[in-house]
Amino acid sequence: MATESQPRAHKAGAFDIRLIIALLIGVYGVILTVMGIGFTSDEDIKKAADVNINLWAGIGMLVVAALFVTWALVRPLVVPAETESDDTTAVAGE
């Protein structure tokens, strides 16, 4: 148990880079999915070898974003209570 003299370690929370990446990929995934469902013409699908590429790319990006969020929740980053400076390691190493 940590006392007043020993600060406690805490989780990175919203500053975890995996959550920021998941947010960016997720936003693009939602945009592509909506574009693929509602705004892709038959002519556009014909150009893409009869594949609604916006829809499939959007779904793929949403899956990747969900994997990043799951990864961040299952294995959270723990920020150490204290950080060592170069001076501290040099004295400890002598």
Protein backbone atom coordinates (compact mmCIF):
# COMPACT_ATOMS: atom_id res chain seq x y z
CA MET A 1 0.00 0.00 0.00
CA ALA A 2 1.37 3.44 -0.94
CA THR A 3 1.88 6.09 1.70
CA GLU A 4 2.07 9.87 1.37
CA SER A 5 5.83 9.74 0.74
CA GLN A 6 5.44 7.18 -2.05
CA PRO A 7 3.26 8.36 -4.95
CA ARG A 8 1.12 5.65 -6.50
CA ALA A 9 1.43 4.42 -10.06
CA HIS A 10 -1.56 5.11 -12.30
CA LYS A 11 -2.88 4.14 -15.73
CA ALA A 12 -2.24 6.24 -18.82
CA GLY A 13 -5.99 6.54 -19.48
CA ALA A 14 -6.95 8.84 -22.36
CA PHE A 15 -3.27 9.57 -23.08
CA ASP A 16 -2.69 5.98 -24.22
CA ILE A 17 -1.60 6.22 -27.87
CA ARG A 18 -3.60 3.10 -28.72
CA LEU A 19 -6.85 4.89 -27.86
CA ILE A 20 -5.90 7.90 -29.97
CA ILE A 21 -5.13 5.63 -32.93
CA ALA A 22 -8.41 3.76 -32.39
CA LEU A 23 -10.32 7.06 -32.39
CA LEU A 24 -8.75 8.20 -35.67
CA ILE A 25 -9.24 4.87 -37.42
CA GLY A 26 -12.77 4.60 -36.03
CA VAL A 27 -13.81 8.04 -37.32
CA TYR A 28 -12.53 7.23 -40.81
CA GLY A 29 -14.19 3.80 -40.58
CA VAL A 30 -17.58 5.34 -39.77
CA ILE A 31 -17.26 7.84 -42.62
CA LEU A 32 -16.33 5.14 -45.15
CA THR A 33 -19.09 2.82 -43.93
CA VAL A 34 -21.72 5.54 -44.27
CA MET A 35 -20.39 6.48 -47.71
CA GLY A 36 -20.44 2.82 -48.76
CA ILE A 37 -23.99 2.23 -47.57
CA GLY A 38 -25.67 5.39 -48.72
CA PHE A 39 -23.63 7.28 -51.27
CA THR A 40 -21.95 4.73 -53.55
CA SER A 41 -23.49 4.47 -57.00
CA ASP A 42 -23.65 1.39 -59.20
CA GLU A 43 -21.17 3.10 -61.53
CA ASP A 44 -18.65 3.44 -58.69
CA ILE A 45 -19.09 -0.22 -57.78
CA LYS A 46 -18.51 -1.24 -61.42
CA LYS A 47 -15.23 0.74 -61.42
CA ALA A 48 -14.08 -1.24 -58.38
CA ALA A 49 -14.60 -4.69 -59.92
CA ASP A 50 -18.13 -5.03 -58.48
CA VAL A 51 -16.94 -4.53 -54.89
CA ASN A 52 -18.29 -1.81 -52.62
CA ILE A 53 -14.78 -0.90 -51.48
CA ASN A 54 -15.90 1.99 -49.25
CA LEU A 55 -18.17 -0.32 -47.29
CA TRP A 56 -15.59 -3.07 -46.86
CA ALA A 57 -12.76 -0.69 -46.02
CA GLY A 58 -14.98 1.06 -43.47
CA ILE A 59 -15.97 -2.21 -41.81
CA GLY A 60 -12.33 -3.29 -41.73
CA MET A 61 -11.29 -0.01 -40.11
CA LEU A 62 -14.03 -0.34 -37.47
CA VAL A 63 -12.80 -3.85 -36.65
CA VAL A 64 -9.21 -2.60 -36.31
CA ALA A 65 -10.37 0.28 -34.08
CA ALA A 66 -12.28 -2.18 -31.88
CA LEU A 67 -9.15 -4.35 -31.61
CA PHE A 68 -7.07 -1.35 -30.51
CA VAL A 69 -9.64 -0.42 -27.83
CA THR A 70 -9.78 -4.02 -26.62
CA TRP A 71 -5.98 -4.15 -26.46
CA ALA A 72 -5.85 -0.94 -24.45
CA LEU A 73 -8.50 -2.20 -22.00
CA VAL A 74 -7.01 -5.67 -21.55
CA ARG A 75 -3.38 -4.50 -21.17
CA PRO A 76 -3.43 -0.93 -19.83
CA LEU A 77 -0.21 1.07 -19.66
CA VAL A 78 0.89 1.82 -16.12
CA VAL A 79 2.73 5.08 -15.61
CA PRO A 80 5.43 4.72 -12.92
CA ALA A 81 5.03 6.86 -9.82
CA GLU A 82 8.59 8.18 -10.05
CA THR A 83 10.84 8.65 -13.03
CA GLU A 84 14.58 8.21 -12.83
CA SER A 85 16.79 10.95 -14.17
CA ASP A 86 20.30 10.50 -15.55
CA ASP A 87 21.76 11.79 -12.28
CA THR A 88 19.89 9.17 -10.25
CA THR A 89 21.04 6.26 -12.40
CA ALA A 90 24.65 7.50 -12.42
CA VAL A 91 24.78 7.65 -8.62
CA ALA A 92 23.07 4.28 -8.24
CA GLY A 93 25.48 2.70 -10.74
CA GLU A 94 28.65 3.74 -8.86
